[in-house]
């Protein structure tokens, strides 16, 4: 649980997926940084990707 691992995280803490969070006012709760769990690699579909997987990807993305 990220709230247990990062001190000062509250229900109204802002969430950032970047390396550095912007400077916040002193009275605001600390930001929750989730960059370490974000997968930055792009998803690639090639001509060797099985059609079943391609269709599943499009369904999950909501594309038609």
Foldseek 3Di string as FASTA:
>chain_A
DQPVVDPQDDPPAAEDLDPDDDDDDPPDTHHRYDVVVDDPDDDDDDPPDDPVVVVVVCVVVVHD
